[in-house]
Amino acid sequence: MSQSLPPVLTEVAYENGRYVAFDRPLPGEPQTLYRVAEGALAAAFSATDGSADAVRTAVAEGAETAVVIAGDASVRPLVPLLPSTSGSALLSGFMGTHKKKWGGQSAPEEGEFTPPKWFFKGFGDWARLPGEPLTVPAHPIALIEEPEVVLVYVNDADGTPHYAGYTFGNDLCDIGLHRKDPGYNPYCKLCDTALAPWLFLGPPPRSATGRVTIVRDGATAWEGNFDCGSDALYFRVRDMADHLFSFPAVRRPGLVNYVLLGADEASFHDGFQIADGDRIGIDVKSHGVTFENTVRYVSPAAAAPLPAS
């Protein structure tokens, strides 16, 4: 980690309560947790200027605390700012955002903004945490891992979005289905997405670099580097976000938005095929963030038949 990183916030479940931690101690070191009521953390971002100091003051002052040992198995990380009510958060993202896909160029500064394609991934509570399986339909054509920066926004009572910070995710999808027919892209995205539980309280990173390692049967089957920082993108992050939030549907009061900014080339582009049981490890070396998830093919039971006409 050569760059200076912003402060980090983590939401956790501990002893039947919801808590916030404002540091990342090494395993075995003490860590202070601050108890928060449902929605209080999201409210702190909309009721203050959103800075790390202001949010910490709003959440920590007068809060019940607990001191735990970092790495304690009874402390369970949560997806940052995820409401407990299903349907109160959206997971979505942009496609084809990297300069590599635009001949190394950047979007022109002048003229009308032409937005990238956007996709809906699912509700926020569909996101998986590190260590949880990523399920996909039983017969994908060709899966691809996609390490990405994920912006987090909370809408206030009037529906105005407030940027909270960023984390990282793995937008696993069936790129083979997309390439078969781009119109199938909504189906392509119906694979689980992993989100890291650490929320960086700062602007989107200009550089976010790391390495993917895919393990099969206990051995490394593929590995490669990635760059998902804003300097690697063709589009400017502010333009993408401003365009997305011009749509009232994503500005519903109290909604939390997790927005994926797009991925670098990955294992698929190297001719590798992700298989059932593969373990995908994402190491964002620039930020000291690592997480891994195992891919699981799933064959659901058949849906109940329609009534006869």
Protein backbone atom coordinates (compact mmCIF):
# COMPACT_ATOMS: atom_id res chain seq x y z
CA MET A 1 0.00 0.00 0.00
CA SER A 2 1.99 2.94 -1.29
CA GLN A 3 -0.84 5.49 -1.31
CA SER A 4 -2.36 7.25 1.68
CA LEU A 5 -5.75 5.70 2.38
CA PRO A 6 -8.86 7.31 3.90
CA PRO A 7 -10.31 6.17 7.25
CA VAL A 8 -12.27 2.93 7.23
CA LEU A 9 -15.61 2.09 8.82
CA THR A 10 -16.98 -1.41 9.43
CA GLU A 11 -20.49 -2.37 10.50
CA VAL A 12 -20.80 -5.61 12.47
CA ALA A 13 -23.32 -7.73 14.31
CA TYR A 14 -22.30 -8.56 17.88
CA GLU A 15 -24.32 -10.00 20.78
CA ASN A 16 -27.70 -9.38 19.12
CA GLY A 17 -26.80 -5.78 18.37
CA ARG A 18 -25.51 -3.69 15.50
CA TYR A 19 -22.20 -1.91 15.99
CA VAL A 20 -19.72 0.25 14.09
CA ALA A 21 -15.92 0.13 14.25
CA PHE A 22 -13.71 2.96 12.98
CA ASP A 23 -10.41 1.16 12.66
CA ARG A 24 -8.82 -1.99 11.23
CA PRO A 25 -6.61 -3.49 13.95
CA LEU A 26 -4.53 -6.57 13.33
CA PRO A 27 -5.98 -9.90 14.50
CA GLY A 28 -5.50 -10.28 18.25
CA GLU A 29 -5.51 -6.53 18.96
CA PRO A 30 -8.32 -4.78 20.89
CA GLN A 31 -11.06 -3.05 18.92
CA THR A 32 -13.78 -0.68 20.16
CA LEU A 33 -17.29 -1.13 18.81
CA TYR A 34 -20.01 1.55 19.02
CA ARG A 35 -23.62 0.40 19.16
CA VAL A 36 -25.95 1.96 16.58
CA ALA A 37 -29.69 1.79 16.06
CA GLU A 38 -31.12 0.63 12.74
CA GLY A 39 -30.68 3.44 10.21
CA ALA A 40 -28.57 5.64 12.49
CA LEU A 41 -25.38 5.20 10.51
CA ALA A 42 -27.08 6.03 7.20
CA ALA A 43 -28.64 9.07 8.85
CA ALA A 44 -25.20 10.25 9.96
CA PHE A 45 -24.11 10.60 6.34
CA SER A 46 -27.16 12.64 5.34
CA ALA A 47 -27.34 14.78 8.51
CA THR A 48 -23.65 15.82 8.43
CA ASP A 49 -21.15 16.86 5.76
CA GLY A 50 -20.31 13.16 5.38
CA SER A 51 -16.69 13.55 6.46
CA ALA A 52 -15.09 10.80 8.49
CA ASP A 53 -14.78 13.02 11.58
CA ALA A 54 -18.39 14.20 11.40
CA VAL A 55 -19.77 10.70 10.95
CA ARG A 56 -17.66 9.35 13.78
CA THR A 57 -18.86 12.11 16.11
CA ALA A 58 -22.50 11.57 15.16
CA VAL A 59 -22.28 7.82 15.75
CA ALA A 60 -19.84 7.48 18.63
CA GLU A 61 -20.78 10.29 21.03
CA GLY A 62 -22.75 8.81 23.91
CA ALA A 63 -22.99 5.40 22.26
CA GLU A 64 -22.77 2.14 24.20
CA THR A 65 -19.38 0.56 23.53
CA ALA A 66 -17.89 -2.90 23.57
CA VAL A 67 -14.22 -3.80 23.39
CA VAL A 68 -13.48 -6.99 21.50
CA ILE A 69 -10.43 -8.72 20.11
CA ALA A 70 -10.06 -8.24 16.38
CA GLY A 71 -10.81 -11.51 14.66
CA ASP A 72 -13.26 -12.68 17.36
CA ALA A 73 -15.60 -15.13 15.65
CA SER A 74 -18.59 -13.72 17.56
CA VAL A 75 -18.17 -10.40 15.69
CA ARG A 76 -19.84 -10.85 12.29
CA PRO A 77 -19.12 -8.27 9.56
CA LEU A 78 -22.08 -6.82 7.66
CA VAL A 79 -22.40 -5.28 4.21
CA PRO A 80 -21.76 -1.56 4.92
CA LEU A 81 -24.95 0.45 5.53
CA LEU A 82 -27.22 -2.41 4.41
CA PRO A 83 -30.73 -1.92 5.85
CA SER A 84 -32.30 -4.91 7.56
CA THR A 85 -35.50 -4.47 5.54
CA SER A 86 -35.36 -6.38 2.26
CA GLY A 87 -35.81 -4.21 -0.82
CA SER A 88 -34.41 -1.08 0.85
CA ALA A 89 -31.13 -1.22 -1.08
CA LEU A 90 -30.15 -1.71 -4.73
CA LEU A 91 -27.05 -3.26 -6.26
CA SER A 92 -26.31 -2.06 -9.79
CA GLY A 93 -23.42 -1.06 -12.00
CA PHE A 94 -21.89 0.15 -15.24
CA MET A 95 -20.49 -1.84 -18.16
CA GLY A 96 -17.59 -1.22 -20.53
CA THR A 97 -16.09 1.55 -18.41
CA HIS A 98 -12.36 0.76 -18.68
CA LYS A 99 -9.99 2.57 -21.03
CA LYS A 100 -8.76 -0.82 -22.25
CA LYS A 101 -12.14 -1.21 -23.92
CA TRP A 102 -11.85 2.25 -25.52
CA GLY A 103 -8.39 2.04 -27.06
CA GLY A 104 -6.76 3.53 -23.96
CA GLN A 105 -8.61 6.82 -24.35
CA SER A 106 -10.59 8.95 -21.88
CA ALA A 107 -14.03 10.42 -22.54
CA PRO A 108 -13.85 13.90 -24.11
CA GLU A 109 -14.16 16.78 -21.68
CA GLU A 110 -16.46 18.78 -23.94
CA GLY A 111 -19.76 17.92 -25.54
CA GLU A 112 -22.78 15.93 -24.46
CA PHE A 113 -22.12 13.07 -22.03
CA THR A 114 -22.83 9.66 -23.49
CA PRO A 115 -23.39 7.35 -20.50
CA PRO A 116 -22.15 3.77 -20.32
CA LYS A 117 -24.60 0.89 -20.28
CA TRP A 118 -26.07 0.21 -16.83
CA PHE A 119 -27.37 -2.99 -15.28
CA PHE A 120 -29.47 -3.95 -12.27
CA LYS A 121 -27.80 -6.70 -10.26
CA GLY A 122 -30.34 -7.18 -7.50
CA PHE A 123 -31.44 -5.94 -4.10
CA GLY A 124 -28.71 -5.01 -1.65
CA ASP A 125 -29.42 -8.00 0.58
CA TRP A 126 -28.54 -10.26 -2.36
CA ALA A 127 -24.87 -9.31 -1.87
CA ARG A 128 -22.60 -11.95 -0.35
CA LEU A 129 -19.87 -11.34 2.22
CA PRO A 130 -16.34 -12.79 2.08
CA GLY A 131 -16.38 -16.53 2.72
CA GLU A 132 -19.97 -16.99 1.57
CA PRO A 133 -20.64 -18.99 -1.60
CA LEU A 134 -21.41 -17.21 -4.86
CA THR A 135 -24.24 -19.13 -6.52
CA VAL A 136 -24.82 -19.19 -10.27
CA PRO A 137 -27.29 -21.03 -12.52
CA ALA A 138 -26.33 -24.67 -13.01
CA HIS A 139 -25.29 -24.38 -16.66
CA PRO A 140 -23.45 -21.11 -17.31
CA ILE A 141 -21.80 -20.58 -20.67
CA ALA A 142 -18.68 -18.81 -19.39
CA LEU A 143 -18.33 -17.12 -16.01
CA ILE A 144 -16.10 -14.15 -15.30
CA GLU A 145 -14.92 -12.64 -12.02
CA GLU A 146 -14.98 -8.84 -11.95
CA PRO A 147 -13.08 -7.01 -9.17
CA GLU A 148 -14.60 -3.55 -8.94
CA VAL A 149 -14.81 -0.38 -6.89
CA VAL A 150 -18.29 -0.09 -5.35
CA LEU A 151 -19.64 3.35 -4.46
CA VAL A 152 -22.15 3.54 -1.59
CA TYR A 153 -24.89 6.20 -1.45
CA VAL A 154 -27.67 6.77 1.08
CA ASN A 155 -30.81 8.71 0.19
CA ASP A 156 -32.22 11.07 2.79
CA ALA A 157 -35.92 11.55 3.61
CA ASP A 158 -36.34 13.72 0.51
CA GLY A 159 -34.63 11.16 -1.75
CA THR A 160 -31.44 13.19 -2.17
CA PRO A 161 -28.46 10.80 -2.51
CA HIS A 162 -25.49 11.33 -0.20
CA TYR A 163 -22.16 9.70 -1.04
CA ALA A 164 -20.88 7.68 1.93
CA GLY A 165 -17.70 6.06 0.63
CA TYR A 166 -16.49 3.08 -1.33
CA THR A 167 -15.71 -0.57 -0.92
CA PHE A 168 -14.78 -3.41 -3.30
CA GLY A 169 -16.73 -6.23 -4.87
CA ASN A 170 -16.63 -9.20 -7.20
CA ASP A 171 -19.38 -8.88 -9.80
CA LEU A 172 -19.46 -12.51 -10.89
CA CYS A 173 -21.51 -12.95 -14.09
CA ASP A 174 -21.99 -15.14 -17.16
CA ILE A 175 -20.12 -13.20 -19.83
CA GLY A 176 -20.65 -16.08 -22.24
CA LEU A 177 -24.40 -15.50 -22.11
CA HIS A 178 -23.86 -11.79 -22.74
CA ARG A 179 -21.64 -12.48 -25.72
CA LYS A 180 -24.12 -14.94 -27.14
CA ASP A 181 -26.64 -12.10 -27.24
CA PRO A 182 -26.13 -8.70 -25.51
CA GLY A 183 -29.89 -8.64 -24.99
CA TYR A 184 -29.41 -11.49 -22.54
CA ASN A 185 -27.32 -9.28 -20.25
CA PRO A 186 -30.02 -9.07 -17.52
CA TYR A 187 -29.85 -12.89 -17.30
CA CYS A 188 -26.04 -12.74 -17.39
CA LYS A 189 -26.03 -10.65 -14.23
CA LEU A 190 -28.21 -13.06 -12.22
CA CYS A 191 -25.17 -14.44 -10.37
CA ASP A 192 -24.22 -13.57 -6.80
CA THR A 193 -21.97 -10.58 -6.11
CA ALA A 194 -19.50 -10.39 -3.22
CA LEU A 195 -18.99 -7.13 -1.32
CA ALA A 196 -16.17 -6.45 1.13
CA PRO A 197 -17.34 -5.20 4.56
CA TRP A 198 -14.91 -2.27 4.78
CA LEU A 199 -16.21 1.18 3.81
CA PHE A 200 -13.47 3.68 2.92
CA LEU A 201 -14.60 7.18 3.93
CA GLY A 202 -13.11 9.14 1.09
CA PRO A 203 -13.56 9.97 -2.60
CA PRO A 204 -13.45 7.15 -5.16
CA PRO A 205 -9.85 5.92 -5.51
CA ARG A 206 -7.88 7.02 -8.56
CA SER A 207 -5.79 3.85 -8.26
CA ALA A 208 -7.05 0.50 -7.00
CA THR A 209 -4.79 -2.33 -8.07
CA GLY A 210 -4.45 -5.95 -7.08
CA ARG A 211 -4.43 -9.57 -8.09
CA VAL A 212 -7.00 -12.31 -8.62
CA THR A 213 -6.19 -15.90 -7.69
CA ILE A 214 -8.52 -18.76 -8.63
CA VAL A 215 -7.92 -22.00 -6.74
CA ARG A 216 -9.22 -25.36 -7.95
CA ASP A 217 -8.75 -28.61 -6.02
CA GLY A 218 -6.28 -26.93 -3.69
CA ALA A 219 -3.98 -25.57 -6.41
CA THR A 220 -3.80 -22.23 -8.18
CA ALA A 221 -5.55 -22.63 -11.53
CA TRP A 222 -5.30 -19.02 -12.71
CA GLU A 223 -4.03 -15.66 -11.47
CA GLY A 224 -3.72 -12.19 -12.90
CA ASN A 225 -3.55 -8.49 -12.06
CA PHE A 226 -6.29 -5.86 -12.23
CA ASP A 227 -6.76 -2.08 -11.97
CA CYS A 228 -10.21 -0.73 -11.16
CA GLY A 229 -9.36 2.82 -10.00
CA SER A 230 -10.88 5.87 -11.67
CA ASP A 231 -7.67 6.61 -13.60
CA ALA A 232 -8.21 3.32 -15.45
CA LEU A 233 -11.73 4.29 -16.55
CA TYR A 234 -12.81 5.87 -19.82
CA PHE A 235 -15.73 7.64 -18.15
CA ARG A 236 -15.45 10.11 -15.29
CA VAL A 237 -17.00 8.77 -12.09
CA ARG A 238 -18.88 11.99 -11.35
CA ASP A 239 -20.51 11.96 -14.79
CA MET A 240 -21.65 8.36 -14.36
CA ALA A 241 -23.03 8.97 -10.88
CA ASP A 242 -24.78 12.22 -11.84
CA HIS A 243 -26.47 10.50 -14.78
CA LEU A 244 -27.61 7.50 -12.71
CA PHE A 245 -29.11 9.72 -10.03
CA SER A 246 -31.05 11.73 -12.59
CA PHE A 247 -33.55 8.82 -12.52
CA PRO A 248 -36.21 9.12 -9.78
CA ALA A 249 -36.36 5.32 -9.36
CA VAL A 250 -32.98 5.28 -7.61
CA ARG A 251 -33.78 8.35 -5.50
CA ARG A 252 -36.49 6.83 -3.34
CA PRO A 253 -36.33 8.12 0.27
CA GLY A 254 -34.19 5.95 2.54
CA LEU A 255 -32.79 3.82 -0.28
CA VAL A 256 -29.15 2.68 -0.16
CA ASN A 257 -27.40 2.29 -3.53
CA TYR A 258 -24.34 0.12 -4.15
CA VAL A 259 -22.91 1.12 -7.53
CA LEU A 260 -20.29 -1.04 -9.30
CA LEU A 261 -17.93 1.02 -11.48
CA GLY A 262 -16.81 -1.69 -13.90
CA ALA A 263 -14.02 -4.23 -14.16
CA ASP A 264 -10.67 -4.72 -15.84
CA GLU A 265 -10.02 -7.67 -18.12
CA ALA A 266 -10.02 -10.94 -16.18
CA SER A 267 -9.60 -14.72 -16.38
CA PHE A 268 -12.13 -15.12 -19.20
CA HIS A 269 -10.06 -12.87 -21.46
CA ASP A 270 -7.10 -15.19 -20.83
CA GLY A 271 -9.10 -18.22 -21.99
CA PHE A 272 -9.79 -19.58 -18.49
CA GLN A 273 -13.13 -21.19 -17.58
CA ILE A 274 -14.39 -20.83 -13.99
CA ALA A 275 -15.83 -24.14 -12.72
CA ASP A 276 -18.16 -25.25 -9.94
CA GLY A 277 -16.20 -25.27 -6.67
CA ASP A 278 -13.50 -22.81 -7.76
CA ARG A 279 -12.43 -20.39 -5.03
CA ILE A 280 -11.93 -16.82 -6.25
CA GLY A 281 -9.60 -14.67 -4.17
CA ILE A 282 -9.51 -10.88 -4.67
CA ASP A 283 -6.47 -9.10 -3.23
CA VAL A 284 -6.77 -5.32 -3.58
CA LYS A 285 -3.13 -4.79 -2.72
CA SER A 286 -3.33 -1.00 -2.97
CA HIS A 287 -5.88 -0.94 -0.13
CA GLY A 288 -4.96 -3.96 2.02
CA VAL A 289 -8.31 -5.61 1.24
CA THR A 290 -8.56 -9.34 0.62
CA PHE A 291 -11.64 -11.52 0.28
CA GLU A 292 -12.51 -14.84 -1.30
CA ASN A 293 -15.62 -16.77 -2.21
CA THR A 294 -16.35 -20.21 -3.63
CA VAL A 295 -18.44 -20.53 -6.80
CA ARG A 296 -21.39 -22.91 -6.55
CA TYR A 297 -23.54 -24.08 -9.45
CA VAL A 298 -27.16 -24.39 -8.30
CA SER A 299 -30.06 -26.31 -9.86
CA PRO A 300 -33.26 -25.06 -8.20
CA ALA A 301 -36.34 -27.24 -8.12
CA ALA A 302 -38.72 -26.66 -10.99
CA ALA A 303 -41.28 -23.88 -10.51
CA ALA A 304 -44.88 -24.85 -9.89
CA PRO A 305 -46.64 -25.37 -13.24
CA LEU A 306 -49.07 -22.82 -14.57
CA PRO A 307 -52.73 -23.78 -14.31
CA ALA A 308 -54.23 -25.31 -17.42
CA SER A 309 -56.04 -22.89 -19.68
